[in-house]
Amino acid sequence: MRSLNLLLSAFAIAHASLASAAESEAPRIIQSPESVPGSGLRLHAEYDLGVLALGGIGVHAGPNRGPWTTAVGFYRFESKSALGGFDEDFKLHVDYIAAAQVGYFFDGQSDSGFYGKLIYQLKQQTVTHQASGAERALVSHLIGPEVGYEWDLWAGLFVRPRLGVLYYAKSPQPGREPVAVGSGRYDNPTHNWVDAYVTADLGYEFDL
């Protein structure tokens, strides 16, 4: 009986050793970092070159996922009478534009090529009557579409020409009529119903 017990014990030990050796020799599948799927999110940031040409600030940033893109933005610049639609008795300074946008790239897969966006802006402008120095702050809300094209340049850099037409849901001029600023009457028919623009962004994006 004792011999039988010793034989069974030796068999059990041998079986366990063989099983352990087989496991150690079996090939192990290790995922490389490149093969592990990421979040699919990309972060982008860009500067508006048209606003830069005016000496102002115009930035956007936000995430992309697949063909969908979102961003928030901030603008601040001095408007020119030749571009702004107001006469030279006044100066117009855009104190801020706080913007939010959501868009879709038409190829349905990536975040490059042609796209369409829906834009919302909250804008405050200060109008100054140059003769008297009187000022008035005007607030407006805008919403509308934008279309453009994003070219990928190199290592995450891109350029994006774009065109937008935004409707003044709340005009900066109450009743869309001229407003009194000091002894003058400020009127800007170019930016009373719609705000149309053509510009381009230079930006950078990377994977999160």
Protein backbone atom coordinates (compact mmCIF):
# COMPACT_ATOMS: atom_id res chain seq x y z
CA MET A 1 0.00 0.00 0.00
CA ARG A 2 2.81 2.36 0.89
CA SER A 3 4.48 1.70 -2.47
CA LEU A 4 1.21 2.40 -4.26
CA ASN A 5 0.83 5.73 -2.45
CA LEU A 6 4.37 6.72 -3.35
CA LEU A 7 3.78 5.78 -7.00
CA LEU A 8 0.57 7.87 -7.16
CA SER A 9 2.33 10.82 -5.53
CA ALA A 10 5.18 10.65 -8.02
CA PHE A 11 2.69 10.47 -10.91
CA ALA A 12 0.82 13.54 -9.63
CA ILE A 13 4.05 15.53 -9.28
CA ALA A 14 5.20 14.53 -12.76
CA HIS A 15 1.83 15.49 -14.27
CA ALA A 16 1.90 18.90 -12.59
CA SER A 17 5.44 19.53 -13.82
CA LEU A 18 4.56 18.62 -17.40
CA ALA A 19 1.48 20.88 -17.34
CA SER A 20 3.54 23.78 -16.02
CA ALA A 21 6.18 23.28 -18.69
CA ALA A 22 3.56 23.17 -21.43
CA GLU A 23 2.08 26.45 -20.26
CA SER A 24 5.47 28.14 -20.17
CA GLU A 25 6.24 26.96 -23.73
CA ALA A 26 2.86 27.94 -25.21
CA PRO A 27 3.07 31.11 -27.35
CA ARG A 28 1.70 34.21 -25.66
CA ILE A 29 -0.20 36.85 -27.66
CA ILE A 30 0.82 40.30 -26.52
CA GLN A 31 -0.87 43.33 -28.03
CA SER A 32 1.55 46.02 -29.04
CA PRO A 33 0.60 49.57 -28.14
CA GLU A 34 -0.11 50.20 -31.82
CA SER A 35 -2.70 47.40 -31.93
CA VAL A 36 -4.64 48.57 -28.86
CA PRO A 37 -7.57 50.63 -30.09
CA GLY A 38 -7.54 54.28 -28.90
CA SER A 39 -10.39 56.51 -27.91
CA GLY A 40 -10.87 57.74 -31.50
CA LEU A 41 -10.81 61.33 -30.25
CA ARG A 42 -8.64 64.04 -31.79
CA LEU A 43 -8.08 67.49 -30.35
CA HIS A 44 -7.80 70.45 -32.73
CA ALA A 45 -6.93 74.13 -32.28
CA GLU A 46 -6.76 76.82 -34.93
CA TYR A 47 -6.20 80.55 -35.48
CA ASP A 48 -8.34 82.67 -37.81
CA LEU A 49 -5.93 84.22 -40.32
CA GLY A 50 -8.44 86.91 -41.38
CA VAL A 51 -8.74 88.18 -37.81
CA LEU A 52 -4.97 87.93 -37.42
CA ALA A 53 -4.62 90.26 -40.43
CA LEU A 54 -6.76 92.81 -38.54
CA GLY A 55 -4.43 92.57 -35.54
CA GLY A 56 -6.99 90.72 -33.45
CA ILE A 57 -7.57 87.40 -31.72
CA GLY A 58 -9.59 84.62 -33.30
CA VAL A 59 -9.15 81.11 -31.91
CA HIS A 60 -11.11 77.83 -31.82
CA ALA A 61 -10.46 74.52 -30.10
CA GLY A 62 -12.33 71.28 -29.49
CA PRO A 63 -12.54 67.53 -30.11
CA ASN A 64 -13.19 65.52 -33.27
CA ARG A 65 -14.43 61.95 -33.46
CA GLY A 66 -14.67 60.32 -36.85
CA PRO A 67 -16.40 62.79 -39.20
CA TRP A 68 -17.94 64.79 -36.31
CA THR A 69 -16.29 67.94 -35.00
CA THR A 70 -17.13 70.42 -32.25
CA ALA A 71 -15.41 73.53 -30.94
CA VAL A 72 -15.72 76.66 -28.87
CA GLY A 73 -14.11 79.92 -29.94
CA PHE A 74 -13.20 83.45 -28.92
CA TYR A 75 -12.72 86.59 -31.04
CA ARG A 76 -11.63 90.14 -30.25
CA PHE A 77 -10.63 92.73 -32.87
CA GLU A 78 -11.01 96.28 -34.19
CA SER A 79 -13.35 96.50 -37.17
CA LYS A 80 -12.58 98.69 -40.19
CA SER A 81 -15.20 101.01 -41.67
CA ALA A 82 -14.35 99.78 -45.17
CA LEU A 83 -15.27 96.24 -44.09
CA GLY A 84 -17.78 96.90 -41.33
CA GLY A 85 -20.44 98.85 -43.24
CA PHE A 86 -20.52 101.91 -40.95
CA ASP A 87 -19.48 105.50 -41.73
CA GLU A 88 -16.23 107.11 -40.62
CA ASP A 89 -17.87 109.18 -37.86
CA PHE A 90 -17.67 106.04 -35.72
CA LYS A 91 -15.19 103.44 -34.54
CA LEU A 92 -16.31 99.85 -33.96
CA HIS A 93 -14.51 97.49 -31.63
CA VAL A 94 -15.60 93.87 -31.23
CA ASP A 95 -15.11 93.37 -27.48
CA TYR A 96 -15.75 89.65 -27.77
CA ILE A 97 -17.42 86.93 -29.75
CA ALA A 98 -18.05 83.71 -27.83
CA ALA A 99 -18.73 80.96 -30.37
CA ALA A 100 -19.90 77.35 -30.33
CA GLN A 101 -20.09 75.03 -33.32
CA VAL A 102 -20.81 71.48 -34.38
CA GLY A 103 -19.96 70.07 -37.80
CA TYR A 104 -19.76 67.01 -40.02
CA PHE A 105 -17.21 66.06 -42.71
CA PHE A 106 -19.02 64.85 -45.79
CA ASP A 107 -16.80 61.83 -46.50
CA GLY A 108 -18.41 60.23 -43.43
CA GLN A 109 -15.17 58.74 -42.11
CA SER A 110 -12.43 61.27 -41.36
CA ASP A 111 -11.99 64.86 -40.24
CA SER A 112 -10.64 66.22 -43.51
CA GLY A 113 -12.10 67.39 -46.82
CA PHE A 114 -15.40 69.22 -47.25
CA TYR A 115 -17.54 69.87 -44.19
CA GLY A 116 -20.65 71.72 -43.01
CA LYS A 117 -21.16 73.33 -39.60
CA LEU A 118 -23.82 75.01 -37.53
CA ILE A 119 -22.43 78.13 -35.80
CA TYR A 120 -23.73 80.11 -32.82
CA GLN A 121 -22.17 83.40 -31.68
CA LEU A 122 -22.75 85.78 -28.79
CA LYS A 123 -21.23 89.13 -29.78
CA GLN A 124 -20.63 92.40 -27.97
CA GLN A 125 -19.41 95.48 -29.86
CA THR A 126 -18.55 98.93 -28.60
CA VAL A 127 -19.41 101.82 -30.93
CA THR A 128 -17.55 105.11 -30.39
CA HIS A 129 -18.72 108.44 -31.81
CA GLN A 130 -15.37 109.99 -32.72
CA ALA A 131 -16.43 113.64 -32.48
CA SER A 132 -17.85 113.42 -28.95
CA GLY A 133 -16.05 110.32 -27.62
CA ALA A 134 -19.40 108.83 -26.56
CA GLU A 135 -19.61 105.04 -26.50
CA ARG A 136 -22.36 102.45 -26.61
CA ALA A 137 -22.15 98.69 -26.18
CA LEU A 138 -24.30 96.62 -28.55
CA VAL A 139 -25.04 92.94 -27.96
CA SER A 140 -26.24 90.46 -30.58
CA HIS A 141 -26.89 86.75 -31.12
CA LEU A 142 -26.11 85.03 -34.43
CA ILE A 143 -26.75 81.56 -35.80
CA GLY A 144 -26.21 79.99 -39.20
CA PRO A 145 -24.30 77.60 -41.45
CA GLU A 146 -20.67 77.44 -42.47
CA VAL A 147 -19.03 75.34 -45.19
CA GLY A 148 -15.36 74.81 -45.85
CA TYR A 149 -12.57 72.43 -46.74
CA GLU A 150 -9.79 71.13 -44.52
CA TRP A 151 -6.40 70.29 -46.08
CA ASP A 152 -4.02 68.20 -44.03
CA LEU A 153 -0.54 69.63 -44.57
CA TRP A 154 2.02 67.79 -42.45
CA ALA A 155 2.28 66.12 -39.02
CA GLY A 156 -1.08 67.37 -37.79
CA LEU A 157 -0.92 70.84 -39.35
CA PHE A 158 -3.86 71.85 -41.54
CA VAL A 159 -5.33 74.83 -43.36
CA ARG A 160 -9.08 75.41 -43.59
CA PRO A 161 -10.66 77.99 -45.95
CA ARG A 162 -14.29 78.60 -44.97
CA LEU A 163 -17.42 80.59 -45.80
CA GLY A 164 -20.26 81.40 -43.41
CA VAL A 165 -23.59 83.24 -43.44
CA LEU A 166 -24.97 83.94 -39.95
CA TYR A 167 -28.39 85.40 -39.22
CA TYR A 168 -28.81 88.03 -36.50
CA ALA A 169 -31.41 86.37 -34.28
CA LYS A 170 -30.94 89.44 -32.07
CA SER A 171 -29.72 92.49 -33.95
CA PRO A 172 -27.12 94.79 -32.36
CA GLN A 173 -29.48 97.67 -33.26
CA PRO A 174 -32.82 97.39 -31.40
CA GLY A 175 -35.62 97.15 -33.95
CA ARG A 176 -32.86 97.09 -36.60
CA GLU A 177 -33.04 100.88 -36.57
CA PRO A 178 -30.19 103.45 -36.21
CA VAL A 179 -29.12 103.97 -32.60
CA ALA A 180 -28.05 107.18 -30.87
CA VAL A 181 -24.39 107.32 -29.83
CA GLY A 182 -23.56 110.75 -28.42
CA SER A 183 -24.71 113.32 -30.95
CA GLY A 184 -24.51 110.82 -33.82
CA ARG A 185 -26.80 108.12 -35.23
CA TYR A 186 -25.03 104.83 -35.75
CA ASP A 187 -26.32 102.55 -38.49
CA ASN A 188 -24.70 99.45 -39.94
CA PRO A 189 -27.00 97.86 -42.54
CA THR A 190 -24.24 95.41 -43.54
CA HIS A 191 -24.34 93.80 -40.09
CA ASN A 192 -27.99 94.18 -39.15
CA TRP A 193 -29.70 91.13 -40.67
CA VAL A 194 -26.84 88.80 -41.69
CA ASP A 195 -23.10 88.55 -41.18
CA ALA A 196 -21.30 86.90 -44.12
CA TYR A 197 -17.59 86.10 -43.99
CA VAL A 198 -14.82 84.41 -45.94
CA THR A 199 -11.63 83.53 -44.10
CA ALA A 200 -9.13 80.73 -43.47
CA ASP A 201 -7.72 78.99 -40.41
CA LEU A 202 -4.29 77.57 -39.72
CA GLY A 203 -4.48 74.79 -37.16
CA TYR A 204 -3.02 71.70 -35.53
CA GLU A 205 -4.64 68.46 -34.36
CA PHE A 206 -3.48 65.32 -32.55
CA ASP A 207 -4.83 62.06 -31.18
CA LEU A 208 -5.92 61.88 -27.53
